[in-house]
Amino acid sequence: MRRDIPVSRLNDLPRDGRGLSAAEALARKSRYGANEILEVAGNPWSELARETLKDPMIWFLIGTGGVYTVLGSYAEAATLLLAILPLIGMDAFLHRRTQASTEGLSRQLAQKAQVLRDGAFVEIPAVELVPGDRVRVSTGEPFPADGLIIGGENLQVDESSLTGESLPFPKRPLMGLHAVAPSSEQPVWIEGEHWGFAGTRLLTGEAQFRVVYTGGQTLYGEIVHAAAQGGRERTPLQEAIASLVGLLMAGAGVLCLILAGVRLRQGHDWVDALVSAATLAVAALPEEFPVVFTVFLGVGVYRLARRKALVRRGVSVENIGRVTCICSDKTGTITEGRLRLEHLHPAETVSEAELLHFAALASRAETGDPMDLAIIERLDDIPGRRMPETVLATYPYTEQRRRETAVLKMDGQILAVSKGSPETLLGISDLAAEQRADWSGRLDRLAAEGHKVLACAYWALGEHWSGGEPDRGGQFAGLLACEDPVRASVPEAVRQCREAGIRIIMVTGDHPATAACIAREIGLGGVSARVVTGDDMAARLESGAKAAFGEVDVVARALPSQKLDLVRALKAEGEIVAVTGDGVNDVPALQAADIGLAMGERGTRSAREAASIVLLDDNFSTIVHAIAEGRQLFRNLQMSFLYIMMIHIPLVITATFIPLAGYPILYLPIHIVWLEAVIHPTALLVFQELPARGPLQPVRRRQAKRFFSVQEWIMIALAGALLTALILWSYDRSLLPGRNIEHARAMAMVVLSCASASITVVLSRLRTPAAWFMTLATVGLAGLLVQIPRLASYLHLQPLHRDDWLIAAVGGFLSVAVPIAMFSVRRRSKA
């Protein structure tokens, strides 16, 4: 965690202990900017306007409205131009929603800071900090920026959010910042023990530090900016949609030219030909596809963020629901990532309560040491625990002594208690050689099972103590074994994955016995988990026995390179692989996976940069929730596209072939506006909000790799054909003697409206308020615009009779409901 400081920045820092004045802080703020993690470049409203104006429907309305204005049809022109307002409003609202997942990230940092300004410490908003400020951080508070520690004692910091290490990191002041003098123009490197980083938390002591980096230049800021930039990448499906839209636009352009030429040859004027071509162009242009997909990606980022999964790359929103295999770490993902005292092995003359009591006497909560905290958490197991009268001396743990000792006065007697490395305490105890060998055997067995083991010894020193730490002849009290417990939610998450056909392979560096124990506890592999070591796996790969991976549940003693080989082998077998990782050594596997999942609480910066999703709570169940959310999002996107295609197919066919056959134009521009006012919000608002139904459902590998199945394409074609036939039949029926083109147009619009409402009902099952609203609004709008004579006349329509409405409602429903029902029954029978 060492960082460099450019010479120019280093020379700009005050070298003595003073703080900045208000005038100096203001000048530095204008130079370095505010301490904001996520800054909005430029005017956000102009950016929003640029995104909104990419909607081709808006330009169609402007162009067509201009044509009507030139022709003197001011009422039609005004109607078309006014129709732009709701489209702009909805597009602006939806584009704004897609920014939700990154804008809230800066709120996770410190909001206030104690800073030395004009000779006195004052509390200011953290965004007002500037490089050079002297800041005071108290126990339990987060660091509000990146800076050099220049004051404080016994400092320990929780840096798990940046480094992935669960153990506290000791810090010490950089004595004499003035002594750090650059010898050249090269940046000066300073070790991590002197740094305080934004997003980390001070556990012990009170620190004073000199701010060096703020905002986006902090390590935390770099992560946030990477997340914000990653969300703009185009996904493979997005590229495919863009290609499809381009192809359809080219085809629509050719059809428009043909239609315009045919209308002119049929004797119609150039205005009719122009309006016919423009109307067909908008009817044929599937502008909803890229708009809907872009919005769904934004919604996916937002919904996954609510599940504590921060999306860095848009492709992960598209792929997370298709995952068929998860390669997961053990520590901190399947387990809690914190130690808990689980086993007590007292000596023959000591009870479990006495062993725990001795260990607690030599532990201190203020150190933040995980093993000390694990021991102290168990103190409730000791009823009537005696407290020492006086603490005469403490000897803290050091790497040289490898133990911690407390000398206490209890009931008038002096007692020395020591806990620490079993090898060290066994060596200074009064055990016989046979006893020492027996305890060493127990220690080896516990260590092989993955436990963190401490030993405890004590000395009864009587009423007088001559001073110094006892170093021989101790009474051995026993061993204490700590372990990292499994997260409570993991067994249920594993069960859901197994039932959904998702493979789980636990990859860990632990001993095979420890890994097998954890696997049994979470239900991985059923009754007996199939465990191989990393070396065995490498040997299988070298021999070409890749199919044997179907029988593997756990890879123990795995090296980073072997984890990468495993991911590649699984992908070669056709799996869509998600991989979890937290360290620099996991970066190759994270990059090679279809979905890289980095740990947000303990993952390193390199791991998070390589990953496509960051898990904010490091929990395996969050992966399962994200997959469930991704699958539902993918289903929602499928249903939205099904809806669009089922409406657009009959719309394009009838808009093309009726004028080509020499009949009057079926749809006028104002009718396209009406349909877009229904199609656009339905596709965007109804289907994106549909919640998940029940547990995870199995997904076949072939199904996971394509957007629509063959059966779904058949369903789309069948529904489009039936609806097209209904519109053509009703159009021909409306041109019988006594009726006219206005009646035929009204019939076509009502059929499409009823079909739109029917698709919404069948696909959404009216599970959201938006589905109810759009269904009722679609039918209600058709009723108002058609049945009110003044509005119908303005729209060049004619009110329909009761039998017309019955034909449109029943026919529109059956033409889409029957194919969808047939497909649903077929899919359930196969399942």
Foldseek 3Di string as FASTA:
>chain_A
DWDWAFQVLLVPADQDDAFEAPVVLVVQCVVANWQALDDDPDDVVVVLVVQLVVQVLLVLLQVVLVVCVVVVVNVSSVLSNVLNVVSSVVSSVLVVLLCPLQVCPRVLWDQWWFWRYPRHTDIDGLRSDGFRIKTKAAAFHADSAKFFWADKPLKWKQPQLAAQDRFTDAADHPHRSVPPHDPDRDIDIDDPSGMGAIPMGIHFIMIITGHRDGHCVTLVSVLSVLQVVQAPDQAPVLVVVVVVLVVQLVVLLVLLVVLLVLLVVLPDDNVQSVQLSSLLNLLSRPSLQNSQVSSLLSLLQVVLVVLQKHFSHSNCLQALLLFQEEAEECAVAQFVNAKAFDDWFWDPVADSLRQLLLLLQQADVSSVGRVSVNSVVCNVVRPPRFDFPDWPDKDDADPVQQKIWTWTHGPLWIKIKIKGDPVQVLVQEPDDPVVSVVQVVVVVVLVLLPWDKMWMWMDGPGNDDPDDDDRHHTHTTGMITMDGGGDPCQLVLVVLSVQQNHAYEYEYQHRQNNVQVSCCVSQFPHNGAAEAELVVLVVCVVVVVLVCVVRHRYYYSHFLVSLLVNQVSCVVVLGQYEYEDAELSNLNNQQSHNFYEYESSRHHSSSSSSGRMYRPSSYNSSSSVSNLSSSLSLLLLLLLVLLSLLLSLLSSVCSRVCVSVVHRGLDGPVLSSLVCVQSNCLSNPQSSPQDGDDGNHHDDSVRSPDSDDPLSVVLSVQLNVLLNVLLVVLLVVQVPPPHDSQASSLLNSLLSLLLSLLSLCQSRVPPDPSSVVSSCCSNVVSCVCAQPQVNSVVNSHHHDDPVSNVSSNVSSNCSNVVSVVVSVVVVVVVD
